[in-house]
Amino acid sequence: MSDSNALSALETEIKQMIIEELDLEDTEVDDIDTNDALFVDGLGLDSIDALELGLAINKRFGVKLEANSEENKEHFRSVATLAKFVNEKRG
């Protein structure tokens, strides 16, 4: 699988994880744009959602996020940035 295909598959997996972990019952994978913001104007997630997502990422992918890291804002900006971060950390 090429890097772009692997990243695309990871983005889809992250979208599905967001829907499942945050109980977004009326949301489909295709409803979440890969480059849209996850917070505020985009998907509308909040800080509690961020905590839940961080735990889910650790559990599913074995990637730990530092609790007070300023970089987390960038990692959680969109599905694309989150997938890139997870992909880099998984090696």
Protein backbone atom coordinates (compact mmCIF):
# COMPACT_ATOMS: atom_id res chain seq x y z
CA MET A 1 0.00 0.00 0.00
CA SER A 2 1.44 3.40 -0.94
CA ASP A 3 1.99 6.08 1.68
CA SER A 4 -0.93 8.16 0.37
CA ASN A 5 -3.25 5.14 0.39
CA ALA A 6 -2.14 4.21 3.90
CA LEU A 7 -2.72 7.78 5.09
CA SER A 8 -6.14 7.87 3.41
CA ALA A 9 -7.09 4.59 5.11
CA LEU A 10 -5.88 5.98 8.44
CA GLU A 11 -7.96 9.15 7.92
CA THR A 12 -11.05 7.00 7.33
CA GLU A 13 -10.28 4.93 10.43
CA ILE A 14 -9.89 8.11 12.51
CA LYS A 15 -13.21 9.46 11.21
CA GLN A 16 -14.92 6.20 12.18
CA MET A 17 -13.24 6.33 15.60
CA ILE A 18 -14.47 9.91 16.14
CA ILE A 19 -18.03 8.87 15.29
CA GLU A 20 -17.91 5.82 17.56
CA GLU A 21 -16.06 7.31 20.53
CA LEU A 22 -18.07 10.53 20.62
CA ASP A 23 -21.43 8.90 19.86
CA LEU A 24 -22.08 11.03 16.77
CA GLU A 25 -25.03 8.84 15.80
CA ASP A 26 -26.30 10.96 12.92
CA THR A 27 -22.85 11.39 11.36
CA GLU A 28 -21.37 9.25 8.59
CA VAL A 29 -17.69 8.98 7.66
CA ASP A 30 -18.39 10.92 4.44
CA ASP A 31 -19.95 13.76 6.47
CA ILE A 32 -16.57 14.59 8.01
CA ASP A 33 -14.27 16.50 5.66
CA THR A 34 -10.66 15.46 6.14
CA ASN A 35 -9.41 19.06 6.18
CA ASP A 36 -12.20 20.72 8.15
CA ALA A 37 -11.56 21.90 11.69
CA LEU A 38 -12.51 19.40 14.37
CA PHE A 39 -13.32 22.11 16.91
CA VAL A 40 -15.52 25.21 16.97
CA ASP A 41 -16.51 26.07 13.38
CA GLY A 42 -15.85 22.65 11.87
CA LEU A 43 -17.18 19.51 13.51
CA GLY A 44 -17.88 21.47 16.69
CA LEU A 45 -15.99 19.30 19.17
CA ASP A 46 -15.06 20.64 22.62
CA SER A 47 -12.32 20.06 25.21
CA ILE A 48 -14.06 17.02 26.71
CA ASP A 49 -14.24 15.51 23.22
CA ALA A 50 -10.50 16.18 22.85
CA LEU A 51 -9.77 14.23 26.03
CA GLU A 52 -11.91 11.32 24.87
CA LEU A 53 -10.25 11.36 21.46
CA GLY A 54 -6.79 11.44 23.02
CA LEU A 55 -7.60 8.36 25.09
CA ALA A 56 -9.09 6.59 22.08
CA ILE A 57 -6.00 7.33 19.97
CA ASN A 58 -3.77 5.95 22.70
CA LYS A 59 -5.91 2.82 23.03
CA ARG A 60 -6.36 2.12 19.31
CA PHE A 61 -3.01 3.23 17.89
CA GLY A 62 -0.68 3.12 20.89
CA VAL A 63 0.13 6.81 20.43
CA LYS A 64 0.32 8.86 23.60
CA LEU A 65 -0.41 12.58 23.58
CA GLU A 66 1.23 14.86 26.12
CA ALA A 67 -1.51 16.40 28.27
CA ASN A 68 -0.25 19.98 28.27
CA SER A 69 1.53 20.06 24.93
CA GLU A 70 0.90 23.16 22.83
CA GLU A 71 1.44 20.95 19.77
CA ASN A 72 -1.82 19.13 20.52
CA LYS A 73 -3.79 22.06 19.09
CA GLU A 74 -2.06 21.53 15.77
CA HIS A 75 -2.39 17.73 15.89
CA PHE A 76 -6.14 18.01 16.58
CA ARG A 77 -6.78 20.74 14.00
CA SER A 78 -8.32 18.32 11.48
CA VAL A 79 -8.58 14.65 10.61
CA ALA A 80 -5.70 15.16 8.15
CA THR A 81 -3.34 16.60 10.79
CA LEU A 82 -4.36 13.94 13.31
CA ALA A 83 -3.74 11.14 10.79
CA LYS A 84 -0.34 12.61 9.91
CA PHE A 85 0.61 12.78 13.60
CA VAL A 86 -0.54 9.20 14.32
CA ASN A 87 1.23 7.93 11.21
CA GLU A 88 4.51 9.60 12.23
CA LYS A 89 4.32 8.32 15.81
CA ARG A 90 3.53 4.77 14.76
CA GLY A 91 6.62 4.84 12.54
